Amino acid sequence: MIITGDDSEYIAFVKARLHDQFLMTDLGPLRYFLGIEVSSTSDGFYISQENYIQDLLARAALGDERTVETPMELNVKFQPTDGDPLPDPMRYRHLVGSLVYLAVTRPDISYPVHILSQFVSAPTTVHYSHLLRVLRYLRGTITRRLFFPRSIFLQLQCYSDATWASDPSDRRSLSAYCVFLGGSLIAWKTKKQTAVSRSSVEA
């Protein structure tokens, strides 16, 4: 359980009441929770999953030490029939599922994870090679973190964009957005649209 707020006295009161009713241990300031690392500074909070990425790379057992600058090649298009079917798709599914959870603190992989997750039912060698590219990108950017500054500037800002008919299999567009509260990124998502857009304006 995480207890947070700006009133330290009331937080202490809540802890005392919970301790009276339940067997619990106060672990102190938040540092690690469900694979997410939290560090506090005078300027704000940093959130990362560096240890989680290290474990993921160890499980992936990449055969080299290469890194890449981007998680996905520019303008790449995937088809369900690209490449040969993987003899054991469970490994692909396991790694993609791990990347879905990693995207909690790494919005820079949201788009490629969204694309690769569309092929978990029948992944191919081509899909798997691009999955390995995402892992190599993570190896080179393992120390990247989200920063939540201590600021009284709490204006809500939202940015959005969309492709047009970017999926070659069903011609549907992709929508993406990110939301900032002050200088803090608090929400982001990439999602395929439910209907086919007839123009870029409609998308």
N, C-alpha and C. Protein backbone atom coordinates (compact mmCIF):
# COMPACT_ATOMS: atom_id res chain seq x y z
N MET A 1 0.84 -1.18 0.00
CA MET A 1 0.00 0.00 0.00
C MET A 1 0.88 1.25 0.00
N ILE A 2 0.55 2.21 -0.85
CA ILE A 2 1.26 3.48 -0.90
C ILE A 2 0.36 4.56 -0.34
N ILE A 3 0.86 5.30 0.64
CA ILE A 3 0.13 6.42 1.23
C ILE A 3 0.86 7.70 0.86
N THR A 4 0.17 8.62 0.23
CA THR A 4 0.82 9.84 -0.22
C THR A 4 -0.06 11.05 0.08
N GLY A 5 0.55 12.20 0.12
CA GLY A 5 -0.17 13.44 0.39
C GLY A 5 0.80 14.54 0.76
N ASP A 6 0.27 15.75 1.00
CA ASP A 6 1.12 16.88 1.35
C ASP A 6 1.00 17.27 2.83
N ASP A 7 0.28 16.46 3.62
CA ASP A 7 0.12 16.71 5.05
C ASP A 7 0.77 15.56 5.82
N SER A 8 1.99 15.77 6.29
CA SER A 8 2.74 14.70 6.95
C SER A 8 2.08 14.26 8.25
N GLU A 9 1.44 15.19 8.97
CA GLU A 9 0.79 14.83 10.22
C GLU A 9 -0.41 13.92 9.97
N TYR A 10 -1.17 14.21 8.94
CA TYR A 10 -2.33 13.36 8.66
C TYR A 10 -1.89 11.99 8.14
N ILE A 11 -0.79 11.94 7.37
CA ILE A 11 -0.26 10.66 6.91
C ILE A 11 0.14 9.81 8.11
N ALA A 12 0.78 10.44 9.10
CA ALA A 12 1.15 9.71 10.33
C ALA A 12 -0.08 9.21 11.06
N PHE A 13 -1.16 10.01 11.07
CA PHE A 13 -2.40 9.60 11.71
C PHE A 13 -3.02 8.39 11.01
N VAL A 14 -3.03 8.41 9.68
CA VAL A 14 -3.58 7.29 8.91
C VAL A 14 -2.78 6.02 9.17
N LYS A 15 -1.47 6.15 9.21
CA LYS A 15 -0.62 4.99 9.48
C LYS A 15 -0.91 4.41 10.86
N ALA A 16 -1.08 5.28 11.84
CA ALA A 16 -1.35 4.81 13.20
C ALA A 16 -2.68 4.08 13.28
N ARG A 17 -3.71 4.60 12.61
CA ARG A 17 -5.02 3.95 12.62
C ARG A 17 -4.96 2.60 11.91
N LEU A 18 -4.25 2.52 10.80
CA LEU A 18 -4.11 1.25 10.10
C LEU A 18 -3.34 0.24 10.94
N HIS A 19 -2.33 0.72 11.65
CA HIS A 19 -1.53 -0.17 12.50
C HIS A 19 -2.38 -0.72 13.65
N ASP A 20 -3.34 0.06 14.10
CA ASP A 20 -4.22 -0.41 15.18
C ASP A 20 -5.14 -1.54 14.72
N GLN A 21 -5.51 -1.52 13.44
CA GLN A 21 -6.48 -2.47 12.92
C GLN A 21 -5.85 -3.67 12.21
N PHE A 22 -4.64 -3.49 11.68
CA PHE A 22 -4.04 -4.54 10.86
C PHE A 22 -2.58 -4.75 11.28
N LEU A 23 -2.08 -5.95 11.01
CA LEU A 23 -0.67 -6.24 11.20
C LEU A 23 0.08 -5.69 10.00
N MET A 24 0.87 -4.66 10.19
CA MET A 24 1.54 -4.00 9.08
C MET A 24 2.89 -3.46 9.51
N THR A 25 3.74 -3.23 8.51
CA THR A 25 5.07 -2.69 8.73
C THR A 25 5.25 -1.45 7.87
N ASP A 26 5.72 -0.38 8.48
CA ASP A 26 5.99 0.85 7.75
C ASP A 26 7.38 0.74 7.12
N LEU A 27 7.44 0.72 5.81
CA LEU A 27 8.71 0.57 5.10
C LEU A 27 9.38 1.90 4.81
N GLY A 28 8.79 3.00 5.28
CA GLY A 28 9.42 4.30 5.10
C GLY A 28 9.10 4.93 3.76
N PRO A 29 9.91 5.89 3.33
CA PRO A 29 9.67 6.57 2.04
C PRO A 29 9.67 5.58 0.88
N LEU A 30 8.83 5.85 -0.11
CA LEU A 30 8.69 4.97 -1.26
C LEU A 30 9.98 4.97 -2.09
N ARG A 31 10.51 3.76 -2.33
CA ARG A 31 11.70 3.60 -3.17
C ARG A 31 11.51 2.56 -4.26
N TYR A 32 10.69 1.55 -4.00
CA TYR A 32 10.52 0.46 -4.97
C TYR A 32 9.13 -0.14 -4.78
N PHE A 33 8.39 -0.28 -5.90
CA PHE A 33 7.04 -0.82 -5.81
C PHE A 33 6.70 -1.50 -7.13
N LEU A 34 6.48 -2.81 -7.07
CA LEU A 34 6.06 -3.59 -8.24
C LEU A 34 6.97 -3.36 -9.44
N GLY A 35 8.28 -3.39 -9.21
CA GLY A 35 9.23 -3.21 -10.29
C GLY A 35 9.51 -1.78 -10.68
N ILE A 36 8.85 -0.82 -10.04
CA ILE A 36 9.03 0.59 -10.35
C ILE A 36 9.89 1.23 -9.26
N GLU A 37 10.98 1.88 -9.68
CA GLU A 37 11.90 2.52 -8.76
C GLU A 37 11.57 4.01 -8.66
N VAL A 38 11.53 4.52 -7.43
CA VAL A 38 11.20 5.92 -7.17
C VAL A 38 12.32 6.55 -6.37
N SER A 39 12.84 7.66 -6.85
CA SER A 39 13.85 8.40 -6.09
C SER A 39 13.39 9.85 -5.95
N SER A 40 13.56 10.37 -4.74
CA SER A 40 13.11 11.72 -4.42
C SER A 40 14.29 12.66 -4.27
N THR A 41 14.19 13.84 -4.87
CA THR A 41 15.20 14.88 -4.73
C THR A 41 14.51 16.18 -4.34
N SER A 42 15.30 17.20 -4.09
CA SER A 42 14.72 18.50 -3.75
C SER A 42 13.97 19.11 -4.91
N ASP A 43 14.27 18.67 -6.13
CA ASP A 43 13.60 19.21 -7.32
C ASP A 43 12.35 18.45 -7.72
N GLY A 44 12.22 17.19 -7.28
CA GLY A 44 11.06 16.40 -7.66
C GLY A 44 11.33 14.91 -7.53
N PHE A 45 10.55 14.13 -8.25
CA PHE A 45 10.64 12.67 -8.18
C PHE A 45 11.05 12.10 -9.53
N TYR A 46 11.87 11.07 -9.47
CA TYR A 46 12.25 10.31 -10.66
C TYR A 46 11.65 8.91 -10.55
N ILE A 47 11.05 8.43 -11.66
CA ILE A 47 10.46 7.10 -11.69
C ILE A 47 11.09 6.33 -12.85
N SER A 48 11.53 5.11 -12.57
CA SER A 48 12.18 4.32 -13.60
C SER A 48 11.94 2.84 -13.34
N GLN A 49 12.39 2.01 -14.28
CA GLN A 49 12.32 0.55 -14.15
C GLN A 49 13.63 -0.06 -14.62
N GLU A 50 14.73 0.49 -14.16
CA GLU A 50 16.05 0.04 -14.62
C GLU A 50 16.30 -1.42 -14.27
N ASN A 51 16.00 -1.81 -13.03
CA ASN A 51 16.20 -3.21 -12.64
C ASN A 51 15.30 -4.15 -13.43
N TYR A 52 14.09 -3.70 -13.70
CA TYR A 52 13.15 -4.50 -14.49
C TYR A 52 13.69 -4.72 -15.90
N ILE A 53 14.29 -3.67 -16.50
CA ILE A 53 14.86 -3.80 -17.84
C ILE A 53 16.03 -4.77 -17.82
N GLN A 54 16.86 -4.69 -16.79
CA GLN A 54 17.99 -5.61 -16.69
C GLN A 54 17.51 -7.06 -16.62
N ASP A 55 16.48 -7.30 -15.83
CA ASP A 55 15.93 -8.66 -15.74
C ASP A 55 15.34 -9.09 -17.09
N LEU A 56 14.67 -8.17 -17.77
CA LEU A 56 14.07 -8.48 -19.07
C LEU A 56 15.15 -8.83 -20.09
N LEU A 57 16.22 -8.07 -20.12
CA LEU A 57 17.31 -8.36 -21.05
C LEU A 57 17.97 -9.69 -20.73
N ALA A 58 18.08 -10.01 -19.44
CA ALA A 58 18.66 -11.31 -19.06
C ALA A 58 17.77 -12.45 -19.53
N ARG A 59 16.44 -12.28 -19.41
CA ARG A 59 15.52 -13.32 -19.85
C ARG A 59 15.50 -13.45 -21.37
N ALA A 60 15.70 -12.32 -22.06
CA ALA A 60 15.70 -12.35 -23.52
C ALA A 60 16.95 -13.02 -24.06
N ALA A 61 18.05 -12.98 -23.30
CA ALA A 61 19.31 -13.64 -23.68
C ALA A 61 19.75 -13.24 -25.08
N LEU A 62 19.89 -11.93 -25.31
CA LEU A 62 20.37 -11.45 -26.59
C LEU A 62 21.79 -11.96 -26.82
N GLY A 63 22.09 -12.34 -28.05
CA GLY A 63 23.38 -12.94 -28.34
C GLY A 63 24.49 -11.94 -28.61
N ASP A 64 24.25 -10.65 -28.48
CA ASP A 64 25.28 -9.65 -28.73
C ASP A 64 25.06 -8.47 -27.79
N GLU A 65 25.95 -7.49 -27.87
CA GLU A 65 25.88 -6.31 -27.00
C GLU A 65 25.51 -5.05 -27.78
N ARG A 66 24.91 -5.22 -28.95
CA ARG A 66 24.57 -4.07 -29.77
C ARG A 66 23.47 -3.23 -29.15
N THR A 67 23.48 -1.94 -29.47
CA THR A 67 22.39 -1.03 -29.11
C THR A 67 21.97 -0.28 -30.37
N VAL A 68 20.77 0.28 -30.33
CA VAL A 68 20.26 1.08 -31.46
C VAL A 68 19.74 2.40 -30.92
N GLU A 69 19.63 3.39 -31.80
CA GLU A 69 19.25 4.73 -31.39
C GLU A 69 17.73 4.91 -31.28
N THR A 70 16.97 4.10 -32.01
CA THR A 70 15.51 4.23 -32.01
C THR A 70 14.88 2.86 -31.78
N PRO A 71 13.70 2.81 -31.17
CA PRO A 71 13.07 1.51 -30.90
C PRO A 71 12.47 0.85 -32.13
N MET A 72 12.24 1.63 -33.21
CA MET A 72 11.66 1.06 -34.42
C MET A 72 12.14 1.85 -35.62
N GLU A 73 12.30 1.16 -36.74
CA GLU A 73 12.71 1.84 -37.96
C GLU A 73 11.61 2.78 -38.44
N LEU A 74 12.02 3.84 -39.13
CA LEU A 74 11.07 4.84 -39.61
C LEU A 74 10.23 4.28 -40.75
N ASN A 75 8.92 4.51 -40.68
CA ASN A 75 7.97 4.14 -41.75
C ASN A 75 7.90 2.65 -42.04
N VAL A 76 8.26 1.82 -41.07
CA VAL A 76 8.17 0.39 -41.29
C VAL A 76 6.70 -0.05 -41.22
N LYS A 77 6.32 -0.97 -42.09
CA LYS A 77 4.95 -1.49 -42.13
C LYS A 77 4.99 -3.00 -41.94
N PHE A 78 4.14 -3.50 -41.06
CA PHE A 78 4.10 -4.92 -40.77
C PHE A 78 2.85 -5.56 -41.34
N GLN A 79 3.03 -6.79 -41.84
CA GLN A 79 1.91 -7.60 -42.30
C GLN A 79 1.90 -8.88 -41.48
N PRO A 80 0.72 -9.46 -41.24
CA PRO A 80 0.67 -10.74 -40.50
C PRO A 80 1.45 -11.85 -41.18
N THR A 81 1.63 -11.75 -42.50
CA THR A 81 2.28 -12.82 -43.25
C THR A 81 3.78 -12.57 -43.47
N ASP A 82 4.33 -11.50 -42.92
CA ASP A 82 5.76 -11.23 -43.08
C ASP A 82 6.58 -12.31 -42.39
N GLY A 83 7.57 -12.87 -43.08
CA GLY A 83 8.46 -13.84 -42.47
C GLY A 83 7.81 -15.21 -42.27
N ASP A 84 8.52 -16.07 -41.54
CA ASP A 84 8.05 -17.42 -41.25
C ASP A 84 7.48 -17.48 -39.83
N PRO A 85 6.44 -18.28 -39.61
CA PRO A 85 5.88 -18.40 -38.25
C PRO A 85 6.92 -18.92 -37.27
N LEU A 86 6.89 -18.38 -36.06
CA LEU A 86 7.81 -18.83 -35.03
C LEU A 86 7.40 -20.23 -34.55
N PRO A 87 8.36 -21.14 -34.38
CA PRO A 87 8.01 -22.48 -33.91
C PRO A 87 7.46 -22.47 -32.48
N ASP A 88 7.92 -21.51 -31.67
CA ASP A 88 7.44 -21.39 -30.29
C ASP A 88 7.06 -19.93 -30.04
N PRO A 89 5.79 -19.57 -30.24
CA PRO A 89 5.38 -18.17 -30.07
C PRO A 89 5.32 -17.71 -28.63
N MET A 90 5.46 -18.61 -27.66
CA MET A 90 5.33 -18.23 -26.26
C MET A 90 6.41 -17.24 -25.85
N ARG A 91 7.61 -17.39 -26.36
CA ARG A 91 8.70 -16.47 -26.02
C ARG A 91 8.38 -15.06 -26.49
N TYR A 92 7.86 -14.94 -27.70
CA TYR A 92 7.46 -13.63 -28.23
C TYR A 92 6.38 -13.02 -27.35
N ARG A 93 5.37 -13.81 -27.00
CA ARG A 93 4.27 -13.31 -26.18
C ARG A 93 4.76 -12.86 -24.80
N HIS A 94 5.66 -13.63 -24.23
CA HIS A 94 6.19 -13.30 -22.91
C HIS A 94 6.94 -11.97 -22.94
N LEU A 95 7.79 -11.77 -23.95
CA LEU A 95 8.57 -10.55 -24.04
C LEU A 95 7.69 -9.33 -24.34
N VAL A 96 6.71 -9.49 -25.22
CA VAL A 96 5.81 -8.38 -25.51
C VAL A 96 4.99 -8.02 -24.27
N GLY A 97 4.52 -9.02 -23.53
CA GLY A 97 3.79 -8.74 -22.30
C GLY A 97 4.64 -7.99 -21.30
N SER A 98 5.92 -8.32 -21.21
CA SER A 98 6.82 -7.60 -20.32
C SER A 98 7.01 -6.16 -20.77
N LEU A 99 7.07 -5.94 -22.07
CA LEU A 99 7.22 -4.58 -22.60
C LEU A 99 5.98 -3.74 -22.35
N VAL A 100 4.81 -4.37 -22.37
CA VAL A 100 3.57 -3.65 -22.08
C VAL A 100 3.63 -3.05 -20.67
N TYR A 101 4.12 -3.84 -19.70
CA TYR A 101 4.25 -3.32 -18.33
C TYR A 101 5.35 -2.27 -18.24
N LEU A 102 6.43 -2.45 -19.00
CA LEU A 102 7.53 -1.48 -18.97
C LEU A 102 7.08 -0.12 -19.50
N ALA A 103 6.12 -0.10 -20.41
CA ALA A 103 5.64 1.16 -20.97
C ALA A 103 4.99 2.06 -19.92
N VAL A 104 4.78 1.53 -18.70
CA VAL A 104 4.25 2.34 -17.60
C VAL A 104 5.17 3.52 -17.31
N THR A 105 6.48 3.31 -17.45
CA THR A 105 7.44 4.39 -17.20
C THR A 105 8.26 4.75 -18.44
N ARG A 106 8.00 4.10 -19.56
CA ARG A 106 8.76 4.39 -20.78
C ARG A 106 7.82 4.69 -21.94
N PRO A 107 7.29 5.92 -21.99
CA PRO A 107 6.37 6.26 -23.09
C PRO A 107 7.04 6.22 -24.45
N ASP A 108 8.38 6.24 -24.50
CA ASP A 108 9.07 6.20 -25.78
C ASP A 108 8.94 4.87 -26.50
N ILE A 109 8.49 3.81 -25.80
CA ILE A 109 8.30 2.53 -26.48
C ILE A 109 6.82 2.20 -26.67
N SER A 110 5.94 3.12 -26.35
CA SER A 110 4.50 2.84 -26.45
C SER A 110 4.08 2.49 -27.87
N TYR A 111 4.59 3.23 -28.85
CA TYR A 111 4.19 2.97 -30.23
C TYR A 111 4.67 1.61 -30.73
N PRO A 112 5.97 1.29 -30.63
CA PRO A 112 6.39 -0.04 -31.11
C PRO A 112 5.75 -1.19 -30.34
N VAL A 113 5.52 -1.02 -29.06
CA VAL A 113 4.86 -2.08 -28.29
C VAL A 113 3.43 -2.27 -28.78
N HIS A 114 2.74 -1.17 -29.09
CA HIS A 114 1.39 -1.27 -29.63
C HIS A 114 1.39 -2.05 -30.95
N ILE A 115 2.37 -1.76 -31.81
CA ILE A 115 2.44 -2.44 -33.11
C ILE A 115 2.75 -3.92 -32.92
N LEU A 116 3.76 -4.23 -32.12
CA LEU A 116 4.19 -5.62 -31.96
C LEU A 116 3.14 -6.47 -31.24
N SER A 117 2.36 -5.86 -30.37
CA SER A 117 1.36 -6.63 -29.63
C SER A 117 0.21 -7.08 -30.51
N GLN A 118 0.09 -6.52 -31.71
CA GLN A 118 -0.98 -6.94 -32.62
C GLN A 118 -0.71 -8.31 -33.23
N PHE A 119 0.51 -8.84 -33.05
CA PHE A 119 0.87 -10.09 -33.70
C PHE A 119 1.16 -11.20 -32.69
N VAL A 120 0.70 -11.05 -31.46
CA VAL A 120 1.00 -12.06 -30.44
C VAL A 120 0.30 -13.40 -30.73
N SER A 121 -0.78 -13.38 -31.48
CA SER A 121 -1.48 -14.63 -31.77
C SER A 121 -0.72 -15.50 -32.76
N ALA A 122 -0.01 -14.87 -33.69
CA ALA A 122 0.75 -15.64 -34.70
C ALA A 122 1.99 -14.85 -35.11
N PRO A 123 2.97 -14.72 -34.22
CA PRO A 123 4.17 -13.94 -34.54
C PRO A 123 5.06 -14.67 -35.54
N THR A 124 5.82 -13.88 -36.29
CA THR A 124 6.74 -14.44 -37.28
C THR A 124 8.17 -14.01 -36.97
N THR A 125 9.10 -14.50 -37.77
CA THR A 125 10.50 -14.15 -37.58
C THR A 125 10.74 -12.65 -37.78
N VAL A 126 9.99 -12.04 -38.67
CA VAL A 126 10.14 -10.60 -38.90
C VAL A 126 9.68 -9.82 -37.67
N HIS A 127 8.54 -10.19 -37.12
CA HIS A 127 8.05 -9.51 -35.93
C HIS A 127 9.03 -9.68 -34.77
N TYR A 128 9.59 -10.87 -34.66
CA TYR A 128 10.52 -11.14 -33.57
C TYR A 128 11.81 -10.32 -33.72
N SER A 129 12.27 -10.14 -34.94
CA SER A 129 13.49 -9.35 -35.15
C SER A 129 13.28 -7.90 -34.74
N HIS A 130 12.09 -7.37 -34.98
CA HIS A 130 11.79 -6.00 -34.56
C HIS A 130 11.57 -5.92 -33.06
N LEU A 131 11.10 -6.98 -32.46
CA LEU A 131 11.01 -7.04 -31.00
C LEU A 131 12.40 -6.97 -30.38
N LEU A 132 13.35 -7.67 -30.96
CA LEU A 132 14.73 -7.62 -30.46
C LEU A 132 15.32 -6.23 -30.62
N ARG A 133 14.89 -5.51 -31.65
CA ARG A 133 15.38 -4.13 -31.83
C ARG A 133 14.93 -3.26 -30.66
N VAL A 134 13.68 -3.43 -30.20
CA VAL A 134 13.20 -2.67 -29.05
C VAL A 134 14.05 -2.98 -27.81
N LEU A 135 14.41 -4.26 -27.64
CA LEU A 135 15.24 -4.64 -26.50
C LEU A 135 16.63 -4.03 -26.59
N ARG A 136 17.19 -3.97 -27.79
CA ARG A 136 18.50 -3.35 -27.95
C ARG A 136 18.43 -1.84 -27.70
N TYR A 137 17.33 -1.24 -28.06
CA TYR A 137 17.13 0.18 -27.77
C TYR A 137 17.07 0.40 -26.25
N LEU A 138 16.37 -0.48 -25.54
CA LEU A 138 16.28 -0.37 -24.09
C LEU A 138 17.65 -0.55 -23.43
N ARG A 139 18.46 -1.44 -23.98
CA ARG A 139 19.80 -1.65 -23.43
C ARG A 139 20.61 -0.35 -23.49
N GLY A 140 20.46 0.40 -24.58
CA GLY A 140 21.22 1.64 -24.73
C GLY A 140 20.63 2.82 -24.00
N THR A 141 19.38 2.69 -23.54
CA THR A 141 18.71 3.82 -22.87
C THR A 141 18.19 3.40 -21.51
N ILE A 142 18.87 2.46 -20.88
CA ILE A 142 18.36 1.84 -19.66
C ILE A 142 18.23 2.83 -18.50
N THR A 143 19.00 3.91 -18.52
CA THR A 143 18.98 4.85 -17.39
C THR A 143 17.95 5.97 -17.56
N ARG A 144 17.19 5.96 -18.63
CA ARG A 144 16.19 7.01 -18.83
C ARG A 144 15.08 6.89 -17.79
N ARG A 145 14.61 8.06 -17.31
CA ARG A 145 13.61 8.08 -16.24
C ARG A 145 12.56 9.15 -16.53
N LEU A 146 11.40 8.99 -15.91
CA LEU A 146 10.39 10.03 -15.92
C LEU A 146 10.63 10.97 -14.75
N PHE A 147 10.49 12.26 -14.97
CA PHE A 147 10.73 13.25 -13.93
C PHE A 147 9.43 13.99 -13.63
N PHE A 148 9.09 14.06 -12.35
CA PHE A 148 7.90 14.78 -11.90
C PHE A 148 8.37 15.91 -11.00
N PRO A 149 8.49 17.14 -11.54
CA PRO A 149 9.06 18.25 -10.76
C PRO A 149 8.12 18.73 -9.65
N ARG A 150 8.74 19.24 -8.59
CA ARG A 150 7.98 19.91 -7.53
C ARG A 150 7.66 21.31 -8.04
N SER A 151 6.42 21.53 -8.38
CA SER A 151 6.05 22.80 -8.99
C SER A 151 4.61 23.14 -8.64
N ILE A 152 4.35 24.44 -8.48
CA ILE A 152 2.97 24.89 -8.23
C ILE A 152 2.27 25.21 -9.55
N PHE A 153 3.01 25.10 -10.66
CA PHE A 153 2.44 25.32 -11.98
C PHE A 153 1.71 24.05 -12.41
N LEU A 154 0.38 24.07 -12.32
CA LEU A 154 -0.40 22.86 -12.56
C LEU A 154 -1.37 23.01 -13.73
N GLN A 155 -0.96 23.72 -14.76
CA GLN A 155 -1.79 23.83 -15.95
C GLN A 155 -1.83 22.50 -16.68
N LEU A 156 -3.02 22.09 -17.10
CA LEU A 156 -3.19 20.83 -17.81
C LEU A 156 -3.01 21.05 -19.31
N GLN A 157 -2.12 20.29 -19.92
CA GLN A 157 -1.86 20.41 -21.35
C GLN A 157 -1.94 19.03 -21.99
N CYS A 158 -2.55 18.97 -23.17
CA CYS A 158 -2.70 17.70 -23.87
C CYS A 158 -2.26 17.86 -25.32
N TYR A 159 -1.51 16.89 -25.81
CA TYR A 159 -1.05 16.88 -27.19
C TYR A 159 -1.52 15.58 -27.85
N SER A 160 -1.94 15.67 -29.09
CA SER A 160 -2.40 14.48 -29.78
C SER A 160 -1.97 14.51 -31.24
N ASP A 161 -1.93 13.35 -31.84
CA ASP A 161 -1.58 13.23 -33.25
C ASP A 161 -2.19 11.94 -33.77
N ALA A 162 -2.21 11.80 -35.08
CA ALA A 162 -2.76 10.59 -35.69
C ALA A 162 -2.10 10.34 -37.03
N THR A 163 -1.94 9.06 -37.36
CA THR A 163 -1.53 8.69 -38.71
C THR A 163 -2.80 8.57 -39.57
N TRP A 164 -2.59 8.34 -40.84
CA TRP A 164 -3.76 8.12 -41.70
C TRP A 164 -3.56 6.82 -42.47
N ALA A 165 -4.47 5.88 -42.23
CA ALA A 165 -4.47 4.58 -42.93
C ALA A 165 -3.09 3.93 -42.87
N SER A 166 -2.48 3.95 -41.68
CA SER A 166 -1.10 3.48 -41.56
C SER A 166 -0.97 1.96 -41.47
N ASP A 167 -2.06 1.27 -41.15
CA ASP A 167 -1.99 -0.18 -41.06
C ASP A 167 -2.29 -0.78 -42.43
N PRO A 168 -1.32 -1.45 -43.06
CA PRO A 168 -1.56 -1.95 -44.42
C PRO A 168 -2.57 -3.09 -44.49
N SER A 169 -2.86 -3.75 -43.36
CA SER A 169 -3.77 -4.88 -43.40
C SER A 169 -5.24 -4.46 -43.34
N ASP A 170 -5.58 -3.42 -42.58
CA ASP A 170 -6.98 -3.01 -42.48
C ASP A 170 -7.21 -1.52 -42.75
N ARG A 171 -6.12 -0.79 -43.10
CA ARG A 171 -6.19 0.63 -43.48
C ARG A 171 -6.70 1.53 -42.35
N ARG A 172 -6.62 1.07 -41.13
CA ARG A 172 -7.04 1.92 -40.02
C ARG A 172 -5.90 2.84 -39.58
N SER A 173 -6.28 3.95 -38.99
CA SER A 173 -5.31 4.93 -38.52
C SER A 173 -4.97 4.68 -37.06
N LEU A 174 -3.88 5.29 -36.63
CA LEU A 174 -3.47 5.23 -35.23
C LEU A 174 -3.62 6.60 -34.60
N SER A 175 -4.14 6.63 -33.39
CA SER A 175 -4.21 7.86 -32.61
C SER A 175 -3.24 7.76 -31.44
N ALA A 176 -2.67 8.89 -31.05
CA ALA A 176 -1.77 8.93 -29.91
C ALA A 176 -1.96 10.24 -29.17
N TYR A 177 -1.77 10.20 -27.86
CA TYR A 177 -1.87 11.44 -27.09
C TYR A 177 -0.95 11.36 -25.87
N CYS A 178 -0.62 12.52 -25.33
CA CYS A 178 0.07 12.61 -24.06
C CYS A 178 -0.47 13.81 -23.30
N VAL A 179 -0.54 13.68 -21.98
CA VAL A 179 -1.13 14.70 -21.12
C VAL A 179 -0.10 15.11 -20.07
N PHE A 180 0.10 16.42 -19.92
CA PHE A 180 1.01 16.96 -18.92
C PHE A 180 0.21 17.75 -17.89
N LEU A 181 0.56 17.56 -16.62
CA LEU A 181 0.06 18.41 -15.54
C LEU A 181 1.25 19.21 -15.06
N GLY A 182 1.29 20.48 -15.42
CA GLY A 182 2.49 21.26 -15.20
C GLY A 182 3.61 20.70 -16.06
N GLY A 183 4.74 20.36 -15.44
CA GLY A 183 5.84 19.76 -16.18
C GLY A 183 5.89 18.26 -16.08
N SER A 184 4.82 17.64 -15.56
CA SER A 184 4.80 16.19 -15.33
C SER A 184 3.95 15.48 -16.37
N LEU A 185 4.53 14.48 -17.02
CA LEU A 185 3.78 13.64 -17.95
C LEU A 185 2.96 12.64 -17.13
N ILE A 186 1.63 12.74 -17.21
CA ILE A 186 0.78 11.91 -16.35
C ILE A 186 -0.03 10.86 -17.11
N ALA A 187 -0.14 10.98 -18.43
CA ALA A 187 -0.91 9.99 -19.19
C ALA A 187 -0.46 10.00 -20.64
N TRP A 188 -0.45 8.81 -21.27
CA TRP A 188 -0.10 8.71 -22.68
C TRP A 188 -0.66 7.40 -23.22
N LYS A 189 -0.91 7.38 -24.52
CA LYS A 189 -1.47 6.17 -25.12
C LYS A 189 -1.34 6.20 -26.62
N THR A 190 -1.19 5.03 -27.22
CA THR A 190 -1.26 4.84 -28.66
C THR A 190 -2.32 3.77 -28.93
N LYS A 191 -3.25 4.06 -29.82
CA LYS A 191 -4.35 3.13 -30.05
C LYS A 191 -4.81 3.18 -31.51
N LYS A 192 -5.14 2.00 -32.03
CA LYS A 192 -5.69 1.93 -33.38
C LYS A 192 -7.15 2.39 -33.35
N GLN A 193 -7.53 3.19 -34.34
CA GLN A 193 -8.90 3.68 -34.41
C GLN A 193 -9.86 2.55 -34.79
N THR A 194 -11.10 2.68 -34.35
CA THR A 194 -12.08 1.61 -34.56
C THR A 194 -12.68 1.60 -35.96
N ALA A 195 -12.61 2.72 -36.66
CA ALA A 195 -13.17 2.81 -38.00
C ALA A 195 -12.11 3.29 -38.97
N VAL A 196 -12.33 3.06 -40.26
CA VAL A 196 -11.40 3.51 -41.30
C VAL A 196 -11.67 4.98 -41.61
N SER A 197 -10.65 5.81 -41.48
CA SER A 197 -10.79 7.23 -41.78
C SER A 197 -10.62 7.46 -43.28
N ARG A 198 -11.45 8.31 -43.84
CA ARG A 198 -11.41 8.53 -45.27
C ARG A 198 -10.47 9.66 -45.68
N SER A 199 -9.89 10.36 -44.70
CA SER A 199 -8.93 11.41 -45.00
C SER A 199 -8.06 11.64 -43.78
N SER A 200 -6.94 12.34 -43.96
CA SER A 200 -6.07 12.65 -42.83
C SER A 200 -6.77 13.58 -41.84
N VAL A 201 -7.64 14.44 -42.34
CA VAL A 201 -8.39 15.34 -41.46
C VAL A 201 -9.34 14.53 -40.57
N GLU A 202 -10.01 13.57 -41.17
CA GLU A 202 -10.91 12.72 -40.40
C GLU A 202 -10.16 11.89 -39.36
N ALA A 203 -8.96 11.43 -39.74
CA ALA A 203 -8.15 10.66 -38.79
C ALA A 203 -7.77 11.50 -37.60
